């Protein structure tokens, strides 16, 4: 129905406009991330723009208790949201992984931004609890 389409358009617009929170990057669920990813990728292909994508993995160090993983992941997610721009999109994938989509990075690289993430992480109380690894790739250009 028209009402359902209108509600869906409003929902998609809110996703693309940060849901009005203005506090760092978006943290989306799988469905919303997929819709946003497809939209951004079509835009990039059509207009010759560039984006970067990355996956981040958190792995518990030996001697750390699995029950702490939820707290550690929440702390790391907050750091990601504060570090990345409001135009960046983050999805938590599984308990210990995050997927990033970063449109139009300009002169910055993911390595530059991840250095800031790691600086913030190293100031947290859980800095020794996990190993953080990531891999990235550019798209378009």
N, C-alpha and C. Protein backbone atom coordinates (compact mmCIF):
# COMPACT_ATOMS: atom_id res chain seq x y z
N UNK A 1 0.83 -1.19 0.00
CA UNK A 1 0.00 0.00 0.00
C UNK A 1 0.88 1.26 0.00
N UNK A 2 0.28 2.37 -0.29
CA UNK A 2 0.98 3.65 -0.29
C UNK A 2 1.51 3.97 1.10
N UNK A 3 0.73 3.68 2.10
CA UNK A 3 1.14 3.95 3.48
C UNK A 3 2.41 3.16 3.84
N UNK A 4 2.44 1.89 3.43
CA UNK A 4 3.62 1.07 3.69
C UNK A 4 4.84 1.59 2.94
N UNK A 5 4.65 1.99 1.68
CA UNK A 5 5.75 2.55 0.91
C UNK A 5 6.27 3.84 1.52
N UNK A 6 5.35 4.66 1.98
CA UNK A 6 5.73 5.91 2.63
C UNK A 6 6.54 5.64 3.89
N UNK A 7 6.10 4.68 4.68
CA UNK A 7 6.82 4.32 5.91
C UNK A 7 8.22 3.78 5.57
N UNK A 8 8.31 2.98 4.52
CA UNK A 8 9.61 2.42 4.11
C UNK A 8 10.54 3.55 3.62
N UNK A 9 10.02 4.49 2.86
CA UNK A 9 10.82 5.61 2.40
C UNK A 9 11.33 6.45 3.57
N UNK A 10 10.48 6.67 4.53
CA UNK A 10 10.90 7.42 5.73
C UNK A 10 11.99 6.65 6.47
N UNK A 11 11.83 5.34 6.60
CA UNK A 11 12.82 4.52 7.29
C UNK A 11 14.17 4.57 6.57
N UNK A 12 14.16 4.43 5.25
CA UNK A 12 15.40 4.47 4.48
C UNK A 12 16.05 5.86 4.55
N UNK A 13 15.24 6.89 4.51
CA UNK A 13 15.77 8.24 4.62
C UNK A 13 16.42 8.45 5.98
N UNK A 14 15.80 7.96 7.03
CA UNK A 14 16.39 8.07 8.37
C UNK A 14 17.72 7.34 8.44
N UNK A 15 17.80 6.18 7.82
CA UNK A 15 19.06 5.43 7.81
C UNK A 15 20.13 6.27 7.14
N UNK A 16 19.82 6.82 5.99
CA UNK A 16 20.82 7.56 5.22
C UNK A 16 21.15 8.91 5.85
N UNK A 17 20.28 9.43 6.67
CA UNK A 17 20.52 10.73 7.30
C UNK A 17 20.86 10.58 8.78
N UNK A 18 21.46 9.48 9.15
CA UNK A 18 21.98 9.25 10.49
C UNK A 18 20.92 9.12 11.57
N UNK A 19 19.69 8.99 11.19
CA UNK A 19 18.61 8.90 12.18
C UNK A 19 18.58 10.11 13.10
N UNK A 20 19.18 11.20 12.62
CA UNK A 20 19.10 12.45 13.35
C UNK A 20 19.92 12.52 14.62
N UNK A 21 20.76 11.50 14.91
CA UNK A 21 21.47 11.54 16.18
C UNK A 21 22.72 12.42 16.12
N UNK A 22 23.37 12.51 14.96
CA UNK A 22 24.53 13.38 14.81
C UNK A 22 25.72 13.00 15.67
N UNK A 23 25.74 11.80 16.24
CA UNK A 23 26.82 11.39 17.14
C UNK A 23 27.68 10.31 16.51
N UNK A 24 28.50 10.66 15.57
CA UNK A 24 29.42 9.70 15.00
C UNK A 24 28.77 8.78 13.98
N UNK A 25 29.48 7.71 13.67
CA UNK A 25 29.05 6.78 12.63
C UNK A 25 27.80 6.02 13.03
N UNK A 26 27.10 5.55 12.00
CA UNK A 26 25.91 4.74 12.22
C UNK A 26 26.28 3.32 12.60
N UNK A 27 25.61 2.77 13.57
CA UNK A 27 25.77 1.36 13.93
C UNK A 27 24.46 0.69 13.53
N UNK A 28 24.51 -0.10 12.46
CA UNK A 28 23.29 -0.68 11.90
C UNK A 28 23.27 -2.19 12.05
N UNK A 29 22.05 -2.73 12.03
CA UNK A 29 21.86 -4.17 11.95
C UNK A 29 22.08 -4.64 10.52
N UNK A 30 22.03 -5.94 10.33
CA UNK A 30 22.33 -6.55 9.03
C UNK A 30 21.43 -6.02 7.91
N UNK A 31 20.14 -5.97 8.13
CA UNK A 31 19.21 -5.55 7.08
C UNK A 31 19.45 -4.10 6.69
N UNK A 32 19.53 -3.21 7.65
CA UNK A 32 19.74 -1.80 7.36
C UNK A 32 21.10 -1.57 6.71
N UNK A 33 22.11 -2.28 7.17
CA UNK A 33 23.44 -2.14 6.58
C UNK A 33 23.42 -2.57 5.11
N UNK A 34 22.74 -3.68 4.82
CA UNK A 34 22.67 -4.18 3.45
C UNK A 34 22.01 -3.16 2.53
N UNK A 35 20.90 -2.59 2.97
CA UNK A 35 20.22 -1.57 2.16
C UNK A 35 21.13 -0.37 1.94
N UNK A 36 21.77 0.11 2.99
CA UNK A 36 22.67 1.26 2.87
C UNK A 36 23.85 0.94 1.98
N UNK A 37 24.42 -0.23 2.13
CA UNK A 37 25.57 -0.64 1.34
C UNK A 37 25.22 -0.64 -0.15
N UNK A 38 24.11 -1.25 -0.47
CA UNK A 38 23.69 -1.31 -1.88
C UNK A 38 23.45 0.09 -2.45
N UNK A 39 22.81 0.92 -1.69
CA UNK A 39 22.55 2.29 -2.13
C UNK A 39 23.86 3.03 -2.40
N UNK A 40 24.77 2.97 -1.46
CA UNK A 40 26.05 3.67 -1.60
C UNK A 40 26.85 3.10 -2.76
N UNK A 41 26.88 1.79 -2.91
CA UNK A 41 27.65 1.18 -3.99
C UNK A 41 27.09 1.57 -5.35
N UNK A 42 25.79 1.65 -5.49
CA UNK A 42 25.21 2.09 -6.77
C UNK A 42 25.57 3.54 -7.04
N UNK A 43 25.55 4.37 -6.03
CA UNK A 43 25.93 5.77 -6.18
C UNK A 43 27.39 5.88 -6.63
N UNK A 44 28.25 5.11 -6.00
CA UNK A 44 29.68 5.15 -6.32
C UNK A 44 29.91 4.73 -7.76
N UNK A 45 29.28 3.64 -8.17
CA UNK A 45 29.45 3.17 -9.54
C UNK A 45 28.90 4.17 -10.55
N UNK A 46 27.77 4.76 -10.25
CA UNK A 46 27.14 5.67 -11.19
C UNK A 46 27.91 6.96 -11.35
N UNK A 47 28.43 7.50 -10.25
CA UNK A 47 29.05 8.83 -10.30
C UNK A 47 30.57 8.80 -10.18
N UNK A 48 31.17 7.62 -10.24
CA UNK A 48 32.61 7.51 -10.23
C UNK A 48 33.26 7.93 -8.91
N UNK A 49 32.55 7.76 -7.84
CA UNK A 49 33.08 8.13 -6.52
C UNK A 49 33.89 6.98 -5.94
N UNK A 50 34.39 7.17 -4.74
CA UNK A 50 35.22 6.17 -4.09
C UNK A 50 34.75 5.93 -2.66
N UNK A 51 34.91 4.70 -2.21
CA UNK A 51 34.63 4.33 -0.83
C UNK A 51 35.67 3.30 -0.41
N UNK A 52 35.75 3.10 0.88
CA UNK A 52 36.59 2.05 1.43
C UNK A 52 35.72 1.16 2.29
N UNK A 53 36.11 -0.10 2.35
CA UNK A 53 35.40 -1.02 3.23
C UNK A 53 36.44 -1.80 4.01
N UNK A 54 36.03 -2.25 5.18
CA UNK A 54 36.95 -2.98 6.05
C UNK A 54 36.16 -3.93 6.92
N UNK A 55 36.86 -4.94 7.41
CA UNK A 55 36.30 -5.81 8.44
C UNK A 55 37.29 -5.84 9.59
N UNK A 56 36.75 -5.71 10.79
CA UNK A 56 37.56 -5.70 12.02
C UNK A 56 37.19 -6.92 12.84
N UNK A 57 38.18 -7.60 13.36
CA UNK A 57 37.96 -8.79 14.17
C UNK A 57 38.57 -8.59 15.55
N UNK A 58 37.82 -8.94 16.59
CA UNK A 58 38.32 -8.91 17.96
C UNK A 58 38.52 -10.37 18.42
N UNK A 59 39.69 -10.68 18.89
CA UNK A 59 39.97 -12.04 19.35
C UNK A 59 40.47 -11.98 20.79
N UNK A 60 39.81 -12.73 21.67
CA UNK A 60 40.22 -12.77 23.07
C UNK A 60 41.64 -13.30 23.21
N UNK A 61 42.42 -12.63 24.03
CA UNK A 61 43.76 -13.11 24.34
C UNK A 61 43.66 -14.28 25.31
N UNK A 62 44.71 -15.10 25.34
CA UNK A 62 44.76 -16.23 26.27
C UNK A 62 44.55 -15.73 27.70
N UNK A 63 43.81 -16.48 28.46
CA UNK A 63 43.58 -16.15 29.86
C UNK A 63 42.38 -15.23 30.09
N UNK A 64 41.78 -14.69 29.02
CA UNK A 64 40.61 -13.83 29.15
C UNK A 64 39.35 -14.68 29.17
N UNK A 65 38.39 -14.25 29.95
CA UNK A 65 37.15 -15.03 30.08
C UNK A 65 36.14 -14.64 29.01
N UNK A 66 35.56 -15.65 28.38
CA UNK A 66 34.58 -15.47 27.31
C UNK A 66 33.41 -14.60 27.76
N UNK A 67 33.06 -14.69 29.04
CA UNK A 67 31.89 -13.94 29.53
C UNK A 67 32.10 -12.44 29.45
N UNK A 68 33.34 -11.98 29.37
CA UNK A 68 33.62 -10.55 29.26
C UNK A 68 33.50 -10.03 27.84
N UNK A 69 33.36 -10.92 26.86
CA UNK A 69 33.38 -10.50 25.46
C UNK A 69 32.29 -9.49 25.14
N UNK A 70 31.09 -9.68 25.65
CA UNK A 70 30.00 -8.73 25.38
C UNK A 70 30.33 -7.32 25.84
N UNK A 71 30.91 -7.19 27.01
CA UNK A 71 31.30 -5.88 27.55
C UNK A 71 32.41 -5.27 26.69
N UNK A 72 33.38 -6.09 26.32
CA UNK A 72 34.51 -5.63 25.51
C UNK A 72 34.02 -5.14 24.15
N UNK A 73 33.13 -5.90 23.53
CA UNK A 73 32.61 -5.54 22.20
C UNK A 73 31.82 -4.24 22.28
N UNK A 74 31.00 -4.07 23.32
CA UNK A 74 30.23 -2.82 23.47
C UNK A 74 31.17 -1.62 23.61
N UNK A 75 32.22 -1.78 24.39
CA UNK A 75 33.19 -0.69 24.57
C UNK A 75 33.87 -0.36 23.24
N UNK A 76 34.26 -1.39 22.49
CA UNK A 76 34.90 -1.17 21.20
C UNK A 76 33.94 -0.51 20.21
N UNK A 77 32.67 -0.95 20.21
CA UNK A 77 31.67 -0.35 19.31
C UNK A 77 31.50 1.14 19.59
N UNK A 78 31.50 1.52 20.86
CA UNK A 78 31.39 2.94 21.21
C UNK A 78 32.58 3.74 20.67
N UNK A 79 33.77 3.15 20.77
CA UNK A 79 34.96 3.82 20.24
C UNK A 79 34.84 3.98 18.73
N UNK A 80 34.37 2.94 18.04
CA UNK A 80 34.19 3.05 16.59
C UNK A 80 33.23 4.17 16.24
N UNK A 81 32.09 4.21 16.92
CA UNK A 81 31.08 5.23 16.62
C UNK A 81 31.63 6.64 16.84
N UNK A 82 32.42 6.83 17.86
CA UNK A 82 32.96 8.15 18.16
C UNK A 82 34.09 8.54 17.21
N UNK A 83 34.82 7.55 16.70
CA UNK A 83 35.99 7.82 15.88
C UNK A 83 35.64 8.09 14.42
N UNK A 84 34.70 7.33 13.89
CA UNK A 84 34.36 7.48 12.48
C UNK A 84 33.39 8.63 12.27
N UNK A 85 33.31 9.09 11.02
CA UNK A 85 32.46 10.24 10.66
C UNK A 85 30.99 9.84 10.64
N UNK A 86 30.13 10.82 10.65
CA UNK A 86 28.69 10.54 10.61
C UNK A 86 28.26 9.95 9.27
N UNK A 87 29.07 10.11 8.23
CA UNK A 87 28.75 9.53 6.93
C UNK A 87 29.22 8.08 6.81
N UNK A 88 29.97 7.59 7.79
CA UNK A 88 30.46 6.22 7.77
C UNK A 88 29.42 5.28 8.37
N UNK A 89 29.43 4.05 7.90
CA UNK A 89 28.43 3.07 8.34
C UNK A 89 29.15 1.85 8.90
N UNK A 90 28.70 1.43 10.08
CA UNK A 90 29.29 0.29 10.77
C UNK A 90 28.21 -0.74 11.04
N UNK A 91 28.55 -2.01 10.81
CA UNK A 91 27.64 -3.09 11.16
C UNK A 91 28.39 -4.08 12.03
N UNK A 92 27.78 -4.46 13.14
CA UNK A 92 28.36 -5.54 13.93
C UNK A 92 27.94 -6.84 13.28
N UNK A 93 28.93 -7.67 12.98
CA UNK A 93 28.70 -8.93 12.30
C UNK A 93 29.23 -10.02 13.21
N UNK A 94 28.38 -10.93 13.61
CA UNK A 94 28.70 -11.92 14.63
C UNK A 94 28.99 -11.17 15.92
N UNK A 95 29.45 -11.86 16.92
CA UNK A 95 29.69 -11.18 18.20
C UNK A 95 30.98 -10.35 18.16
N UNK A 96 31.94 -10.79 17.37
CA UNK A 96 33.29 -10.23 17.48
C UNK A 96 33.82 -9.56 16.21
N UNK A 97 32.94 -9.22 15.28
CA UNK A 97 33.39 -8.61 14.03
C UNK A 97 32.54 -7.39 13.68
N UNK A 98 33.20 -6.45 13.01
CA UNK A 98 32.52 -5.25 12.54
C UNK A 98 32.87 -5.04 11.07
N UNK A 99 31.88 -4.66 10.28
CA UNK A 99 32.10 -4.33 8.87
C UNK A 99 31.89 -2.82 8.75
N UNK A 100 32.80 -2.16 8.02
CA UNK A 100 32.74 -0.71 7.85
C UNK A 100 32.57 -0.37 6.38
N UNK A 101 31.79 0.66 6.11
CA UNK A 101 31.69 1.24 4.77
C UNK A 101 31.93 2.74 4.94
N UNK A 102 32.99 3.22 4.31
CA UNK A 102 33.46 4.59 4.50
C UNK A 102 33.49 5.32 3.17
N UNK A 103 32.43 6.06 2.84
CA UNK A 103 32.40 6.79 1.57
C UNK A 103 33.34 7.99 1.58
N UNK A 104 33.97 8.25 0.43
CA UNK A 104 34.76 9.46 0.22
C UNK A 104 35.73 9.78 1.35
N UNK A 105 36.73 8.95 1.52
CA UNK A 105 37.72 9.15 2.58
C UNK A 105 38.66 10.33 2.29
N UNK A 106 38.76 10.77 1.05
CA UNK A 106 39.65 11.88 0.72
C UNK A 106 41.10 11.46 0.89
N UNK A 107 41.90 12.30 1.52
CA UNK A 107 43.32 12.01 1.72
C UNK A 107 43.56 11.01 2.84
N UNK A 108 42.59 10.81 3.67
CA UNK A 108 42.74 9.88 4.79
C UNK A 108 42.66 8.44 4.28
N UNK A 109 43.29 7.54 5.01
CA UNK A 109 43.16 6.13 4.70
C UNK A 109 42.55 5.44 5.91
N UNK A 110 42.10 4.22 5.70
CA UNK A 110 41.56 3.47 6.83
C UNK A 110 42.66 3.28 7.88
N UNK A 111 43.90 3.12 7.44
CA UNK A 111 45.00 2.96 8.39
C UNK A 111 45.10 4.18 9.31
N UNK A 112 44.92 5.40 8.76
CA UNK A 112 44.95 6.61 9.58
C UNK A 112 43.86 6.59 10.64
N UNK A 113 42.66 6.21 10.22
CA UNK A 113 41.52 6.20 11.14
C UNK A 113 41.68 5.07 12.16
N UNK A 114 42.15 3.92 11.72
CA UNK A 114 42.35 2.81 12.65
C UNK A 114 43.43 3.14 13.68
N UNK A 115 44.37 3.96 13.31
CA UNK A 115 45.37 4.41 14.30
C UNK A 115 44.70 5.19 15.42
N UNK A 116 43.74 6.05 15.06
CA UNK A 116 42.98 6.79 16.07
C UNK A 116 42.13 5.85 16.92
N UNK A 117 41.52 4.84 16.26
CA UNK A 117 40.72 3.85 16.99
C UNK A 117 41.62 3.15 18.01
N UNK A 118 42.79 2.73 17.57
CA UNK A 118 43.70 2.00 18.46
C UNK A 118 44.22 2.89 19.59
N UNK A 119 44.45 4.17 19.32
CA UNK A 119 44.86 5.08 20.38
C UNK A 119 43.77 5.14 21.46
N UNK A 120 42.53 5.25 21.04
CA UNK A 120 41.41 5.28 21.99
C UNK A 120 41.28 3.94 22.71
N UNK A 121 41.42 2.85 21.97
CA UNK A 121 41.31 1.53 22.57
C UNK A 121 42.41 1.31 23.61
N UNK A 122 43.61 1.75 23.31
CA UNK A 122 44.73 1.56 24.23
C UNK A 122 44.57 2.35 25.52
N UNK A 123 43.65 3.30 25.53
CA UNK A 123 43.36 4.06 26.75
C UNK A 123 42.22 3.41 27.55
N UNK A 124 41.63 2.33 27.00
CA UNK A 124 40.51 1.68 27.69
C UNK A 124 41.01 0.62 28.66
N UNK A 125 40.15 0.23 29.57
CA UNK A 125 40.55 -0.77 30.57
C UNK A 125 40.67 -2.17 29.99
N UNK A 126 40.16 -2.39 28.78
CA UNK A 126 40.18 -3.71 28.17
C UNK A 126 41.27 -3.87 27.11
N UNK A 127 42.20 -2.93 27.07
CA UNK A 127 43.20 -2.91 26.00
C UNK A 127 43.99 -4.21 25.87
N UNK A 128 44.20 -4.91 26.97
CA UNK A 128 44.98 -6.14 26.92
C UNK A 128 44.13 -7.39 26.79
N UNK A 129 42.82 -7.21 26.69
CA UNK A 129 41.92 -8.37 26.66
C UNK A 129 41.80 -9.00 25.28
N UNK A 130 41.95 -8.21 24.23
CA UNK A 130 41.74 -8.74 22.88
C UNK A 130 42.83 -8.27 21.93
N UNK A 131 42.97 -9.04 20.85
CA UNK A 131 43.77 -8.61 19.72
C UNK A 131 42.80 -8.08 18.68
N UNK A 132 43.15 -6.96 18.07
CA UNK A 132 42.29 -6.35 17.07
C UNK A 132 43.01 -6.43 15.73
N UNK A 133 42.33 -7.02 14.76
CA UNK A 133 42.88 -7.14 13.41
C UNK A 133 41.87 -6.57 12.43
N UNK A 134 42.38 -6.04 11.32
CA UNK A 134 41.46 -5.58 10.27
C UNK A 134 42.11 -5.74 8.91
N UNK A 135 41.23 -5.78 7.91
CA UNK A 135 41.67 -5.79 6.52
C UNK A 135 40.72 -4.86 5.78
N UNK A 136 41.26 -4.14 4.79
CA UNK A 136 40.44 -3.16 4.09
C UNK A 136 40.67 -3.23 2.58
N UNK A 137 39.75 -2.62 1.84
CA UNK A 137 39.86 -2.55 0.39
C UNK A 137 39.15 -1.29 -0.09
N UNK A 138 39.69 -0.69 -1.14
CA UNK A 138 39.05 0.47 -1.77
C UNK A 138 38.07 0.00 -2.83
N UNK A 139 37.07 0.84 -3.08
CA UNK A 139 36.03 0.55 -4.07
C UNK A 139 35.87 1.78 -4.94
N UNK A 140 35.80 1.60 -6.23
CA UNK A 140 35.57 2.72 -7.14
C UNK A 140 36.79 3.60 -7.28
N UNK A 141 36.53 4.84 -7.69
CA UNK A 141 37.64 5.77 -7.81
C UNK A 141 37.80 6.21 -9.16
